[in-house]
């Protein structure tokens, strides 16, 4: 299960679809709400 979470986080960060804390450190990123980021993580688990 932990590997899937890491995979989902990596995918979201690589796609630059992140929450405020990452967004302020990344150029060209899309800022998401926490709930949207959670959905992004899940969509990148496959």
Protein backbone atom coordinates (compact mmCIF):
# COMPACT_ATOMS: atom_id res chain seq x y z
CA UNK A 1 0.00 0.00 0.00
CA UNK A 2 2.82 2.43 0.82
CA UNK A 3 4.36 1.85 -2.60
CA UNK A 4 1.08 2.87 -4.25
CA UNK A 5 0.96 6.09 -2.23
CA UNK A 6 4.53 6.93 -3.21
CA UNK A 7 3.70 6.16 -6.86
CA UNK A 8 0.65 8.44 -6.68
CA UNK A 9 2.60 11.28 -5.06
CA UNK A 10 5.41 11.02 -7.60
CA UNK A 11 2.92 11.13 -10.47
CA UNK A 12 1.12 14.17 -9.09
CA UNK A 13 4.38 16.04 -8.49
CA UNK A 14 5.77 15.15 -11.92
CA UNK A 15 2.51 16.36 -13.50
CA UNK A 16 2.89 19.58 -11.46
CA UNK A 17 -0.59 19.19 -9.97
CA UNK A 18 0.10 19.99 -6.33
CA UNK A 19 -1.07 21.76 -3.17
CA UNK A 20 0.00 25.25 -2.12
CA UNK A 21 3.15 24.15 -0.29
CA UNK A 22 4.60 22.52 -3.41
CA UNK A 23 3.06 25.09 -5.77
CA UNK A 24 4.99 27.98 -4.27
CA UNK A 25 8.27 26.12 -4.91
CA UNK A 26 7.54 24.95 -8.47
CA UNK A 27 7.41 26.91 -11.72
CA UNK A 28 4.40 26.22 -13.92
CA UNK A 29 2.56 24.08 -11.37
CA UNK A 30 -1.21 23.93 -10.98
CA UNK A 31 -2.38 24.64 -7.42
CA UNK A 32 -4.99 22.18 -6.14
CA UNK A 33 -7.15 21.98 -3.02
CA UNK A 34 -6.14 19.19 -0.63
CA UNK A 35 -9.13 17.10 -1.70
CA UNK A 36 -8.22 17.58 -5.38
CA UNK A 37 -4.64 16.58 -4.64
CA UNK A 38 -5.93 13.42 -2.96
CA UNK A 39 -7.87 12.55 -6.11
CA UNK A 40 -4.77 13.28 -8.19
CA UNK A 41 -2.73 10.87 -6.06
CA UNK A 42 -5.34 8.15 -6.47
CA UNK A 43 -5.48 8.66 -10.24
CA UNK A 44 -1.69 8.22 -10.42
CA UNK A 45 -1.68 4.95 -8.46
CA UNK A 46 -2.47 2.83 -11.51
